[in-house]
Amino acid sequence: MKIRIKDNSVRFRLAQNEVADLVNNGETYSKSDIGKQRLVYGIVKTSEDKISCSLTDNRIIAHVPSSLLLNWDTDERVGFQNEDNDLFILIEKDWQCLVPRENENESNLFVNPKESHL
């Protein structure tokens, strides 16, 4: 899972196995060790009706309504977004790059829909 934070927006990009974990198990997480601290970020299924996000104890967690996740691992939807107060939240499937990058394993990412146009 990748996370991008800029000002008041947070974007989560999920590989195929992470989308499957979220749909089937109700949660998926990643972590990054920064110095002696650990940042955990993830997405959990919720019974709420809107996407939201929280930051507590070095954990950034997006909460996604279970209704949005139904069949997301097998359908064509790219992702979901919401504005929670002043925070814009975007959760989406991660595509393979059109131009391969050295030192990056993209084997578990979704096939880029623009790939067929090259």
PDB file of N, CA and C in Angstrom:
ATOM      1  N   MET A   1       0.841  -1.161   0.000  1.00  0.00           N
ATOM      2  CA  MET A   1       0.000   0.000   0.000  1.00  0.00           C
ATOM      3  C   MET A   1       0.891   1.230   0.000  1.00  0.00           C
ATOM      4  N   LYS A   2       0.487   2.189  -0.775  1.00  0.00           N
ATOM      5  CA  LYS A   2       1.181   3.470  -0.810  1.00  0.00           C
ATOM      6  C   LYS A   2       0.254   4.508  -0.188  1.00  0.00           C
ATOM      7  N   ILE A   3       0.865   5.491   0.445  1.00  0.00           N
ATOM      8  CA  ILE A   3       0.093   6.591   1.003  1.00  0.00           C
ATOM      9  C   ILE A   3       0.777   7.884   0.586  1.00  0.00           C
ATOM     10  N   ARG A   4      -0.040   8.841   0.164  1.00  0.00           N
ATOM     11  CA  ARG A   4       0.485  10.153  -0.187  1.00  0.00           C
ATOM     12  C   ARG A   4      -0.301  11.187   0.611  1.00  0.00           C
ATOM     13  N   ILE A   5       0.431  12.034   1.312  1.00  0.00           N
ATOM     14  CA  ILE A   5      -0.196  13.082   2.115  1.00  0.00           C
ATOM     15  C   ILE A   5       0.311  14.417   1.598  1.00  0.00           C
ATOM     16  N   LYS A   6      -0.598  15.299   1.285  1.00  0.00           N
ATOM     17  CA  LYS A   6      -0.242  16.649   0.869  1.00  0.00           C
ATOM     18  C   LYS A   6      -1.285  17.585   1.441  1.00  0.00           C
ATOM     19  N   ASP A   7      -0.812  18.501   2.262  1.00  0.00           N
ATOM     20  CA  ASP A   7      -1.714  19.458   2.897  1.00  0.00           C
ATOM     21  C   ASP A   7      -2.891  18.704   3.528  1.00  0.00           C
ATOM     22  N   ASN A   8      -4.108  19.025   3.125  1.00  0.00           N
ATOM     23  CA  ASN A   8      -5.289  18.381   3.710  1.00  0.00           C
ATOM     24  C   ASN A   8      -5.872  17.311   2.786  1.00  0.00           C
ATOM     25  N   SER A   9      -4.997  16.511   2.222  1.00  0.00           N
ATOM     26  CA  SER A   9      -5.474  15.371   1.442  1.00  0.00           C
ATOM     27  C   SER A   9      -4.608  14.162   1.745  1.00  0.00           C
ATOM     28  N   VAL A  10      -5.250  13.007   1.721  1.00  0.00           N
ATOM     29  CA  VAL A  10      -4.541  11.745   1.925  1.00  0.00           C
ATOM     30  C   VAL A  10      -5.045  10.767   0.872  1.00  0.00           C
ATOM     31  N   ARG A  11      -4.104  10.085   0.233  1.00  0.00           N
ATOM     32  CA  ARG A  11      -4.425   9.169  -0.859  1.00  0.00           C
ATOM     33  C   ARG A  11      -3.806   7.817  -0.558  1.00  0.00           C
ATOM     34  N   PHE A  12      -4.621   6.785  -0.592  1.00  0.00           N
ATOM     35  CA  PHE A  12      -4.173   5.406  -0.393  1.00  0.00           C
ATOM     36  C   PHE A  12      -4.255   4.693  -1.735  1.00  0.00           C
ATOM     37  N   ARG A  13      -3.185   3.985  -2.124  1.00  0.00           N
ATOM     38  CA  ARG A  13      -3.193   3.199  -3.354  1.00  0.00           C
ATOM     39  C   ARG A  13      -2.873   1.758  -2.985  1.00  0.00           C
ATOM     40  N   LEU A  14      -3.764   0.843  -3.363  1.00  0.00           N
ATOM     41  CA  LEU A  14      -3.681  -0.549  -2.926  1.00  0.00           C
ATOM     42  C   LEU A  14      -3.353  -1.500  -4.066  1.00  0.00           C
ATOM     43  N   ALA A  15      -2.463  -2.453  -3.769  1.00  0.00           N
ATOM     44  CA  ALA A  15      -2.138  -3.540  -4.691  1.00  0.00           C
ATOM     45  C   ALA A  15      -3.282  -4.564  -4.672  1.00  0.00           C
ATOM     46  N   GLN A  16      -3.228  -5.518  -5.577  1.00  0.00           N
ATOM     47  CA  GLN A  16      -4.297  -6.510  -5.706  1.00  0.00           C
ATOM     48  C   GLN A  16      -4.533  -7.287  -4.409  1.00  0.00           C
ATOM     49  N   ASN A  17      -3.463  -7.740  -3.762  1.00  0.00           N
ATOM     50  CA  ASN A  17      -3.643  -8.525  -2.541  1.00  0.00           C
ATOM     51  C   ASN A  17      -4.219  -7.679  -1.412  1.00  0.00           C
ATOM     52  N   GLU A  18      -3.909  -6.387  -1.385  1.00  0.00           N
ATOM     53  CA  GLU A  18      -4.444  -5.507  -0.345  1.00  0.00           C
ATOM     54  C   GLU A  18      -5.930  -5.235  -0.556  1.00  0.00           C
ATOM     55  N   VAL A  19      -6.326  -5.072  -1.804  1.00  0.00           N
ATOM     56  CA  VAL A  19      -7.754  -4.923  -2.107  1.00  0.00           C
ATOM     57  C   VAL A  19      -8.491  -6.190  -1.695  1.00  0.00           C
ATOM     58  N   ALA A  20      -7.930  -7.348  -2.025  1.00  0.00           N
ATOM     59  CA  ALA A  20      -8.550  -8.625  -1.653  1.00  0.00           C
ATOM     60  C   ALA A  20      -8.649  -8.769  -0.136  1.00  0.00           C
ATOM     61  N   ASP A  21      -7.582  -8.412   0.587  1.00  0.00           N
ATOM     62  CA  ASP A  21      -7.619  -8.463   2.058  1.00  0.00           C
ATOM     63  C   ASP A  21      -8.713  -7.567   2.613  1.00  0.00           C
ATOM     64  N   LEU A  22      -8.811  -6.371   2.084  1.00  0.00           N
ATOM     65  CA  LEU A  22      -9.817  -5.428   2.566  1.00  0.00           C
ATOM     66  C   LEU A  22     -11.225  -5.948   2.312  1.00  0.00           C
ATOM     67  N   VAL A  23     -11.476  -6.432   1.109  1.00  0.00           N
ATOM     68  CA  VAL A  23     -12.807  -6.938   0.756  1.00  0.00           C
ATOM     69  C   VAL A  23     -13.150  -8.188   1.563  1.00  0.00           C
ATOM     70  N   ASN A  24     -12.214  -9.121   1.669  1.00  0.00           N
ATOM     71  CA  ASN A  24     -12.495 -10.422   2.289  1.00  0.00           C
ATOM     72  C   ASN A  24     -12.320 -10.461   3.800  1.00  0.00           C
ATOM     73  N   ASN A  25     -11.380  -9.656   4.335  1.00  0.00           N
ATOM     74  CA  ASN A  25     -11.082  -9.707   5.771  1.00  0.00           C
ATOM     75  C   ASN A  25     -11.461  -8.433   6.517  1.00  0.00           C
ATOM     76  N   GLY A  26     -11.837  -7.401   5.772  1.00  0.00           N
ATOM     77  CA  GLY A  26     -12.285  -6.166   6.400  1.00  0.00           C
ATOM     78  C   GLY A  26     -11.194  -5.208   6.815  1.00  0.00           C
ATOM     79  N   GLU A  27      -9.942  -5.508   6.476  1.00  0.00           N
ATOM     80  CA  GLU A  27      -8.861  -4.601   6.832  1.00  0.00           C
ATOM     81  C   GLU A  27      -7.591  -4.944   6.071  1.00  0.00           C
ATOM     82  N   THR A  28      -6.740  -3.936   5.908  1.00  0.00           N
ATOM     83  CA  THR A  28      -5.405  -4.120   5.350  1.00  0.00           C
ATOM     84  C   THR A  28      -4.522  -3.008   5.892  1.00  0.00           C
ATOM     85  N   TYR A  29      -3.257  -3.334   6.177  1.00  0.00           N
ATOM     86  CA  TYR A  29      -2.333  -2.384   6.800  1.00  0.00           C
ATOM     87  C   TYR A  29      -0.962  -2.464   6.157  1.00  0.00           C
ATOM     88  N   SER A  30      -0.216  -1.382   6.274  1.00  0.00           N
ATOM     89  CA  SER A  30       1.200  -1.329   5.936  1.00  0.00           C
ATOM     90  C   SER A  30       1.899  -0.559   7.042  1.00  0.00           C
ATOM     91  N   LYS A  31       3.224  -0.591   7.011  1.00  0.00           N
ATOM     92  CA  LYS A  31       3.973   0.131   8.044  1.00  0.00           C
ATOM     93  C   LYS A  31       5.258   0.675   7.452  1.00  0.00           C
ATOM     94  N   SER A  32       5.767   1.710   8.107  1.00  0.00           N
ATOM     95  CA  SER A  32       7.037   2.296   7.721  1.00  0.00           C
ATOM     96  C   SER A  32       7.792   2.650   8.991  1.00  0.00           C
ATOM     97  N   ASP A  33       9.006   2.125   9.130  1.00  0.00           N
ATOM     98  CA  ASP A  33       9.839   2.452  10.275  1.00  0.00           C
ATOM     99  C   ASP A  33      10.671   3.680   9.921  1.00  0.00           C
ATOM    100  N   ILE A  34      10.475   4.738  10.690  1.00  0.00           N
ATOM    101  CA  ILE A  34      11.169   5.997  10.467  1.00  0.00           C
ATOM    102  C   ILE A  34      11.957   6.306  11.735  1.00  0.00           C
ATOM    103  N   GLY A  35      13.269   6.121  11.653  1.00  0.00           N
ATOM    104  CA  GLY A  35      14.079   6.254  12.859  1.00  0.00           C
ATOM    105  C   GLY A  35      13.644   5.204  13.865  1.00  0.00           C
ATOM    106  N   LYS A  36      13.341   5.631  15.074  1.00  0.00           N
ATOM    107  CA  LYS A  36      12.889   4.707  16.110  1.00  0.00           C
ATOM    108  C   LYS A  36      11.370   4.663  16.225  1.00  0.00           C
ATOM    109  N   GLN A  37      10.701   5.310  15.319  1.00  0.00           N
ATOM    110  CA  GLN A  37       9.236   5.352  15.329  1.00  0.00           C
ATOM    111  C   GLN A  37       8.680   4.457  14.217  1.00  0.00           C
ATOM    112  N   ARG A  38       7.479   3.981  14.402  1.00  0.00           N
ATOM    113  CA  ARG A  38       6.796   3.197  13.375  1.00  0.00           C
ATOM    114  C   ARG A  38       5.489   3.900  13.027  1.00  0.00           C
ATOM    115  N   LEU A  39       5.289   4.116  11.728  1.00  0.00           N
ATOM    116  CA  LEU A  39       4.036   4.656  11.222  1.00  0.00           C
ATOM    117  C   LEU A  39       3.246   3.500  10.624  1.00  0.00           C
ATOM    118  N   VAL A  40       2.047   3.296  11.110  1.00  0.00           N
ATOM    119  CA  VAL A  40       1.155   2.261  10.579  1.00  0.00           C
ATOM    120  C   VAL A  40       0.029   2.987   9.851  1.00  0.00           C
ATOM    121  N   TYR A  41      -0.286   2.520   8.654  1.00  0.00           N
ATOM    122  CA  TYR A  41      -1.392   3.104   7.911  1.00  0.00           C
ATOM    123  C   TYR A  41      -2.193   1.976   7.294  1.00  0.00           C
ATOM    124  N   GLY A  42      -3.493   2.192   7.225  1.00  0.00           N
ATOM    125  CA  GLY A  42      -4.335   1.124   6.725  1.00  0.00           C
ATOM    126  C   GLY A  42      -5.747   1.570   6.469  1.00  0.00           C
ATOM    127  N   ILE A  43      -6.537   0.596   6.084  1.00  0.00           N
ATOM    128  CA  ILE A  43      -7.939   0.826   5.753  1.00  0.00           C
ATOM    129  C   ILE A  43      -8.750  -0.282   6.407  1.00  0.00           C
ATOM    130  N   VAL A  44      -9.857   0.097   7.016  1.00  0.00           N
ATOM    131  CA  VAL A  44     -10.746  -0.880   7.648  1.00  0.00           C
ATOM    132  C   VAL A  44     -12.174  -0.673   7.168  1.00  0.00           C
ATOM    133  N   LYS A  45     -12.885  -1.776   7.093  1.00  0.00           N
ATOM    134  CA  LYS A  45     -14.301  -1.768   6.739  1.00  0.00           C
ATOM    135  C   LYS A  45     -15.099  -1.280   7.935  1.00  0.00           C
ATOM    136  N   THR A  46     -16.119  -0.471   7.679  1.00  0.00           N
ATOM    137  CA  THR A  46     -16.927   0.075   8.761  1.00  0.00           C
ATOM    138  C   THR A  46     -18.408   0.014   8.406  1.00  0.00           C
ATOM    139  N   SER A  47     -19.237   0.137   9.414  1.00  0.00           N
ATOM    140  CA  SER A  47     -20.686   0.191   9.184  1.00  0.00           C
ATOM    141  C   SER A  47     -21.166   1.626   8.981  1.00  0.00           C
ATOM    142  N   GLU A  48     -20.259   2.592   9.076  1.00  0.00           N
ATOM    143  CA  GLU A  48     -20.622   3.991   8.839  1.00  0.00           C
ATOM    144  C   GLU A  48     -21.035   4.182   7.381  1.00  0.00           C
ATOM    145  N   ASP A  49     -21.624   5.324   7.086  1.00  0.00           N
ATOM    146  CA  ASP A  49     -22.103   5.540   5.721  1.00  0.00           C
ATOM    147  C   ASP A  49     -21.181   6.415   4.880  1.00  0.00           C
ATOM    148  N   LYS A  50     -20.078   6.916   5.461  1.00  0.00           N
ATOM    149  CA  LYS A  50     -19.140   7.758   4.718  1.00  0.00           C
ATOM    150  C   LYS A  50     -17.701   7.347   5.008  1.00  0.00           C
ATOM    151  N   ILE A  51     -16.826   7.621   4.061  1.00  0.00           N
ATOM    152  CA  ILE A  51     -15.398   7.400   4.261  1.00  0.00           C
ATOM    153  C   ILE A  51     -14.896   8.457   5.238  1.00  0.00           C
ATOM    154  N   SER A  52     -14.070   8.030   6.180  1.00  0.00           N
ATOM    155  CA  SER A  52     -13.450   8.955   7.120  1.00  0.00           C
ATOM    156  C   SER A  52     -12.018   8.501   7.371  1.00  0.00           C
ATOM    157  N   CYS A  53     -11.282   9.308   8.112  1.00  0.00           N
ATOM    158  CA  CYS A  53      -9.893   8.977   8.388  1.00  0.00           C
ATOM    159  C   CYS A  53      -9.546   9.460   9.790  1.00  0.00           C
ATOM    160  N   SER A  54      -8.677   8.709  10.467  1.00  0.00           N
ATOM    161  CA  SER A  54      -8.252   9.094  11.818  1.00  0.00           C
ATOM    162  C   SER A  54      -6.743   8.954  11.947  1.00  0.00           C
ATOM    163  N   LEU A  55      -6.180   9.745  12.863  1.00  0.00           N
ATOM    164  CA  LEU A  55      -4.765   9.677  13.191  1.00  0.00           C
ATOM    165  C   LEU A  55      -4.649   9.583  14.703  1.00  0.00           C
ATOM    166  N   THR A  56      -4.168   8.437  15.187  1.00  0.00           N
ATOM    167  CA  THR A  56      -4.005   8.211  16.619  1.00  0.00           C
ATOM    168  C   THR A  56      -2.775   7.342  16.839  1.00  0.00           C
ATOM    169  N   ASP A  57      -1.886   7.780  17.738  1.00  0.00           N
ATOM    170  CA  ASP A  57      -0.719   6.975  18.122  1.00  0.00           C
ATOM    171  C   ASP A  57       0.055   6.447  16.916  1.00  0.00           C
ATOM    172  N   ASN A  58       0.443   7.322  16.014  1.00  0.00           N
ATOM    173  CA  ASN A  58       1.228   6.959  14.821  1.00  0.00           C
ATOM    174  C   ASN A  58       0.493   5.986  13.904  1.00  0.00           C
ATOM    175  N   ARG A  59      -0.825   6.017  13.912  1.00  0.00           N
ATOM    176  CA  ARG A  59      -1.644   5.162  13.042  1.00  0.00           C
ATOM    177  C   ARG A  59      -2.608   6.025  12.243  1.00  0.00           C
ATOM    178  N   ILE A  60      -2.487   5.962  10.923  1.00  0.00           N
ATOM    179  CA  ILE A  60      -3.416   6.645  10.028  1.00  0.00           C
ATOM    180  C   ILE A  60      -4.345   5.572   9.481  1.00  0.00           C
ATOM    181  N   ILE A  61      -5.612   5.668   9.823  1.00  0.00           N
ATOM    182  CA  ILE A  61      -6.569   4.639   9.425  1.00  0.00           C
ATOM    183  C   ILE A  61      -7.736   5.285   8.679  1.00  0.00           C
ATOM    184  N   ALA A  62      -7.983   4.790   7.473  1.00  0.00           N
ATOM    185  CA  ALA A  62      -9.165   5.190   6.718  1.00  0.00           C
ATOM    186  C   ALA A  62     -10.267   4.182   7.016  1.00  0.00           C
ATOM    187  N   HIS A  63     -11.469   4.676   7.157  1.00  0.00           N
ATOM    188  CA  HIS A  63     -12.640   3.850   7.453  1.00  0.00           C
ATOM    189  C   HIS A  63     -13.561   3.922   6.236  1.00  0.00           C
ATOM    190  N   VAL A  64     -13.860   2.757   5.654  1.00  0.00           N
ATOM    191  CA  VAL A  64     -14.634   2.698   4.414  1.00  0.00           C
ATOM    192  C   VAL A  64     -15.913   1.906   4.647  1.00  0.00           C
ATOM    193  N   PRO A  65     -17.058   2.460   4.220  1.00  0.00           N
ATOM    194  CA  PRO A  65     -18.320   1.725   4.361  1.00  0.00           C
ATOM    195  C   PRO A  65     -18.276   0.371   3.657  1.00  0.00           C
ATOM    196  N   SER A  66     -18.794  -0.633   4.325  1.00  0.00           N
ATOM    197  CA  SER A  66     -18.785  -1.988   3.750  1.00  0.00           C
ATOM    198  C   SER A  66     -19.526  -2.035   2.417  1.00  0.00           C
ATOM    199  N   SER A  67     -20.525  -1.192   2.234  1.00  0.00           N
ATOM    200  CA  SER A  67     -21.284  -1.192   0.975  1.00  0.00           C
ATOM    201  C   SER A  67     -20.401  -0.818  -0.220  1.00  0.00           C
ATOM    202  N   LEU A  68     -19.409   0.031  -0.009  1.00  0.00           N
ATOM    203  CA  LEU A  68     -18.514   0.405  -1.108  1.00  0.00           C
ATOM    204  C   LEU A  68     -17.564  -0.727  -1.484  1.00  0.00           C
ATOM    205  N   LEU A  69     -17.256  -1.573  -0.536  1.00  0.00           N
ATOM    206  CA  LEU A  69     -16.265  -2.630  -0.770  1.00  0.00           C
ATOM    207  C   LEU A  69     -16.835  -3.874  -1.438  1.00  0.00           C
ATOM    208  N   LEU A  70     -18.141  -3.992  -1.480  1.00  0.00           N
ATOM    209  CA  LEU A  70     -18.774  -5.165  -2.070  1.00  0.00           C
ATOM    210  C   LEU A  70     -18.309  -5.351  -3.512  1.00  0.00           C
ATOM    211  N   ASN A  71     -17.619  -6.463  -3.782  1.00  0.00           N
ATOM    212  CA  ASN A  71     -17.116  -6.849  -5.106  1.00  0.00           C
ATOM    213  C   ASN A  71     -16.033  -5.929  -5.669  1.00  0.00           C
ATOM    214  N   TRP A  72     -15.452  -5.040  -4.840  1.00  0.00           N
ATOM    215  CA  TRP A  72     -14.442  -4.123  -5.357  1.00  0.00           C
ATOM    216  C   TRP A  72     -13.221  -4.876  -5.890  1.00  0.00           C
ATOM    217  N   ASP A  73     -12.934  -6.043  -5.352  1.00  0.00           N
ATOM    218  CA  ASP A  73     -11.781  -6.821  -5.809  1.00  0.00           C
ATOM    219  C   ASP A  73     -11.977  -7.417  -7.198  1.00  0.00           C
ATOM    220  N   THR A  74     -13.202  -7.469  -7.690  1.00  0.00           N
ATOM    221  CA  THR A  74     -13.458  -8.088  -8.994  1.00  0.00           C
ATOM    222  C   THR A  74     -14.118  -7.154  -9.999  1.00  0.00           C
ATOM    223  N   ASP A  75     -14.519  -5.967  -9.578  1.00  0.00           N
ATOM    224  CA  ASP A  75     -15.190  -5.078 -10.530  1.00  0.00           C
ATOM    225  C   ASP A  75     -14.236  -4.021 -11.085  1.00  0.00           C
ATOM    226  N   GLU A  76     -14.762  -3.165 -11.932  1.00  0.00           N
ATOM    227  CA  GLU A  76     -13.955  -2.179 -12.653  1.00  0.00           C
ATOM    228  C   GLU A  76     -13.801  -0.850 -11.918  1.00  0.00           C
ATOM    229  N   ARG A  77     -14.429  -0.686 -10.777  1.00  0.00           N
ATOM    230  CA  ARG A  77     -14.307   0.588 -10.061  1.00  0.00           C
ATOM    231  C   ARG A  77     -12.861   0.807  -9.635  1.00  0.00           C
ATOM    232  N   VAL A  78     -12.380   2.020  -9.833  1.00  0.00           N
ATOM    233  CA  VAL A  78     -11.002   2.348  -9.471  1.00  0.00           C
ATOM    234  C   VAL A  78     -10.898   2.634  -7.986  1.00  0.00           C
ATOM    235  N   GLY A  79     -11.848   3.388  -7.446  1.00  0.00           N
ATOM    236  CA  GLY A  79     -11.752   3.722  -6.034  1.00  0.00           C
ATOM    237  C   GLY A  79     -12.885   4.593  -5.544  1.00  0.00           C
ATOM    238  N   PHE A  80     -12.639   5.232  -4.396  1.00  0.00           N
ATOM    239  CA  PHE A  80     -13.662   5.997  -3.696  1.00  0.00           C
ATOM    240  C   PHE A  80     -13.029   7.244  -3.106  1.00  0.00           C
ATOM    241  N   GLN A  81     -13.845   8.259  -2.915  1.00  0.00           N
ATOM    242  CA  GLN A  81     -13.339   9.478  -2.295  1.00  0.00           C
ATOM    243  C   GLN A  81     -14.406  10.130  -1.438  1.00  0.00           C
ATOM    244  N   ASN A  82     -13.933  10.958  -0.525  1.00  0.00           N
ATOM    245  CA  ASN A  82     -14.833  11.712   0.338  1.00  0.00           C
ATOM    246  C   ASN A  82     -14.054  12.857   0.957  1.00  0.00           C
ATOM    247  N   GLU A  83     -14.765  13.885   1.335  1.00  0.00           N
ATOM    248  CA  GLU A  83     -14.174  14.957   2.112  1.00  0.00           C
ATOM    249  C   GLU A  83     -14.738  14.859   3.514  1.00  0.00           C
ATOM    250  N   ASP A  84     -13.851  14.617   4.472  1.00  0.00           N
ATOM    251  CA  ASP A  84     -14.217  14.453   5.875  1.00  0.00           C
ATOM    252  C   ASP A  84     -13.787  15.722   6.595  1.00  0.00           C
ATOM    253  N   ASN A  85     -14.735  16.591   6.894  1.00  0.00           N
ATOM    254  CA  ASN A  85     -14.440  17.943   7.375  1.00  0.00           C
ATOM    255  C   ASN A  85     -13.593  18.622   6.298  1.00  0.00           C
ATOM    256  N   ASP A  86     -12.365  18.985   6.582  1.00  0.00           N
ATOM    257  CA  ASP A  86     -11.517  19.626   5.571  1.00  0.00           C
ATOM    258  C   ASP A  86     -10.493  18.670   4.971  1.00  0.00           C
ATOM    259  N   LEU A  87     -10.586  17.383   5.260  1.00  0.00           N
ATOM    260  CA  LEU A  87      -9.626  16.405   4.756  1.00  0.00           C
ATOM    261  C   LEU A  87     -10.211  15.657   3.560  1.00  0.00           C
ATOM    262  N   PHE A  88      -9.529  15.747   2.412  1.00  0.00           N
ATOM    263  CA  PHE A  88      -9.934  14.998   1.226  1.00  0.00           C
ATOM    264  C   PHE A  88      -9.287  13.620   1.303  1.00  0.00           C
ATOM    265  N   ILE A  89     -10.071  12.552   1.149  1.00  0.00           N
ATOM    266  CA  ILE A  89      -9.597  11.168   1.254  1.00  0.00           C
ATOM    267  C   ILE A  89      -9.876  10.466  -0.072  1.00  0.00           C
ATOM    268  N   LEU A  90      -8.853   9.838  -0.629  1.00  0.00           N
ATOM    269  CA  LEU A  90      -8.984   9.087  -1.869  1.00  0.00           C
ATOM    270  C   LEU A  90      -8.387   7.702  -1.645  1.00  0.00           C
ATOM    271  N   ILE A  91      -9.146   6.669  -1.984  1.00  0.00           N
ATOM    272  CA  ILE A  91      -8.698   5.279  -1.864  1.00  0.00           C
ATOM    273  C   ILE A  91      -8.884   4.652  -3.235  1.00  0.00           C
ATOM    274  N   GLU A  92      -7.805   4.089  -3.788  1.00  0.00           N
ATOM    275  CA  GLU A  92      -7.904   3.582  -5.151  1.00  0.00           C
ATOM    276  C   GLU A  92      -6.970   2.402  -5.388  1.00  0.00           C
ATOM    277  N   LYS A  93      -7.279   1.651  -6.429  1.00  0.00           N
ATOM    278  CA  LYS A  93      -6.425   0.556  -6.867  1.00  0.00           C
ATOM    279  C   LYS A  93      -5.149   1.154  -7.466  1.00  0.00           C
ATOM    280  N   ASP A  94      -4.034   0.472  -7.275  1.00  0.00           N
ATOM    281  CA  ASP A  94      -2.744   0.949  -7.777  1.00  0.00           C
ATOM    282  C   ASP A  94      -2.433   0.259  -9.098  1.00  0.00           C
ATOM    283  N   TRP A  95      -2.159   1.046 -10.140  1.00  0.00           N
ATOM    284  CA  TRP A  95      -1.869   0.523 -11.478  1.00  0.00           C
ATOM    285  C   TRP A  95      -0.379   0.326 -11.683  1.00  0.00           C
ATOM    286  N   GLN A  96      -0.034  -0.602 -12.538  1.00  0.00           N
ATOM    287  CA  GLN A  96       1.345  -0.736 -12.995  1.00  0.00           C
ATOM    288  C   GLN A  96       1.685   0.504 -13.824  1.00  0.00           C
ATOM    289  N   CYS A  97       2.923   0.936 -13.745  1.00  0.00           N
ATOM    290  CA  CYS A  97       3.359   2.095 -14.531  1.00  0.00           C
ATOM    291  C   CYS A  97       3.444   1.705 -16.007  1.00  0.00           C
ATOM    292  N   LEU A  98       3.212   2.661 -16.878  1.00  0.00           N
ATOM    293  CA  LEU A  98       3.322   2.405 -18.316  1.00  0.00           C
ATOM    294  C   LEU A  98       4.781   2.247 -18.734  1.00  0.00           C
ATOM    295  N   VAL A  99       5.673   2.912 -18.022  1.00  0.00           N
ATOM    296  CA  VAL A  99       7.105   2.773 -18.249  1.00  0.00           C
ATOM    297  C   VAL A  99       7.695   2.150 -16.986  1.00  0.00           C
ATOM    298  N   PRO A 100       8.224   0.925 -17.087  1.00  0.00           N
ATOM    299  CA  PRO A 100       8.761   0.249 -15.900  1.00  0.00           C
ATOM    300  C   PRO A 100       9.822   1.091 -15.199  1.00  0.00           C
ATOM    301  N   ARG A 101       9.832   1.025 -13.879  1.00  0.00           N
ATOM    302  CA  ARG A 101      10.811   1.739 -13.070  1.00  0.00           C
ATOM    303  C   ARG A 101      11.803   0.735 -12.493  1.00  0.00           C
ATOM    304  N   GLU A 102      13.060   1.103 -12.552  1.00  0.00           N
ATOM    305  CA  GLU A 102      14.106   0.247 -11.996  1.00  0.00           C
ATOM    306  C   GLU A 102      13.909   0.147 -10.484  1.00  0.00           C
ATOM    307  N   ASN A 103      14.148  -1.022  -9.933  1.00  0.00           N
ATOM    308  CA  ASN A 103      14.053  -1.281  -8.488  1.00  0.00           C
ATOM    309  C   ASN A 103      12.626  -1.241  -7.951  1.00  0.00           C
ATOM    310  N   GLU A 104      11.630  -1.393  -8.788  1.00  0.00           N
ATOM    311  CA  GLU A 104      10.249  -1.425  -8.311  1.00  0.00           C
ATOM    312  C   GLU A 104       9.559  -2.681  -8.801  1.00  0.00           C
ATOM    313  N   ASN A 105       9.041  -3.468  -7.880  1.00  0.00           N
ATOM    314  CA  ASN A 105       8.318  -4.678  -8.235  1.00  0.00           C
ATOM    315  C   ASN A 105       6.833  -4.343  -8.338  1.00  0.00           C
ATOM    316  N   GLU A 106       6.296  -4.392  -9.532  1.00  0.00           N
ATOM    317  CA  GLU A 106       4.893  -4.050  -9.765  1.00  0.00           C
ATOM    318  C   GLU A 106       4.051  -5.279 -10.096  1.00  0.00           C
ATOM    319  N   SER A 107       4.581  -6.475  -9.820  1.00  0.00           N
ATOM    320  CA  SER A 107       3.899  -7.706 -10.215  1.00  0.00           C
ATOM    321  C   SER A 107       2.543  -7.885  -9.532  1.00  0.00           C
ATOM    322  N   ASN A 108       2.322  -7.254  -8.384  1.00  0.00           N
ATOM    323  CA  ASN A 108       1.060  -7.407  -7.659  1.00  0.00           C
ATOM    324  C   ASN A 108       0.118  -6.217  -7.877  1.00  0.00           C
ATOM    325  N   LEU A 109       0.507  -5.289  -8.749  1.00  0.00           N
ATOM    326  CA  LEU A 109      -0.351  -4.143  -9.026  1.00  0.00           C
ATOM    327  C   LEU A 109      -1.333  -4.482 -10.134  1.00  0.00           C
ATOM    328  N   PHE A 110      -2.359  -3.697 -10.241  1.00  0.00           N
ATOM    329  CA  PHE A 110      -3.368  -3.906 -11.277  1.00  0.00           C
ATOM    330  C   PHE A 110      -2.805  -3.492 -12.635  1.00  0.00           C
ATOM    331  N   VAL A 111      -3.220  -4.200 -13.679  1.00  0.00           N
ATOM    332  CA  VAL A 111      -2.780  -3.862 -15.033  1.00  0.00           C
ATOM    333  C   VAL A 111      -3.347  -2.493 -15.387  1.00  0.00           C
ATOM    334  N   ASN A 112      -2.477  -1.629 -15.874  1.00  0.00           N
ATOM    335  CA  ASN A 112      -2.889  -0.286 -16.243  1.00  0.00           C
ATOM    336  C   ASN A 112      -3.842  -0.352 -17.432  1.00  0.00           C
ATOM    337  N   PRO A 113      -5.020   0.272 -17.315  1.00  0.00           N
ATOM    338  CA  PRO A 113      -5.980   0.204 -18.418  1.00  0.00           C
ATOM    339  C   PRO A 113      -5.477   0.897 -19.690  1.00  0.00           C
ATOM    340  N   LYS A 114      -4.504   1.768 -19.570  1.00  0.00           N
ATOM    341  CA  LYS A 114      -3.956   2.454 -20.746  1.00  0.00           C
ATOM    342  C   LYS A 114      -2.902   1.623 -21.449  1.00  0.00           C
ATOM    343  N   GLU A 115      -2.518   0.475 -20.863  1.00  0.00           N
ATOM    344  CA  GLU A 115      -1.471  -0.358 -21.440  1.00  0.00           C
ATOM    345  C   GLU A 115      -1.830  -0.826 -22.855  1.00  0.00           C
ATOM    346  N   SER A 116      -3.073  -1.104 -23.116  1.00  0.00           N
ATOM    347  CA  SER A 116      -3.487  -1.607 -24.430  1.00  0.00           C
ATOM    348  C   SER A 116      -3.417  -0.533 -25.519  1.00  0.00           C
ATOM    349  N   HIS A 117      -3.237   0.716 -25.112  1.00  0.00           N
ATOM    350  CA  HIS A 117      -3.196   1.810 -26.095  1.00  0.00           C
ATOM    351  C   HIS A 117      -1.785   2.144 -26.542  1.00  0.00           C
ATOM    352  N   LEU A 118      -0.801   1.387 -26.070  1.00  0.00           N
ATOM    353  CA  LEU A 118       0.596   1.682 -26.456  1.00  0.00           C
ATOM    354  C   LEU A 118       0.955   1.004 -27.740  1.00  0.00           C
TER     355      LEU A 118
END
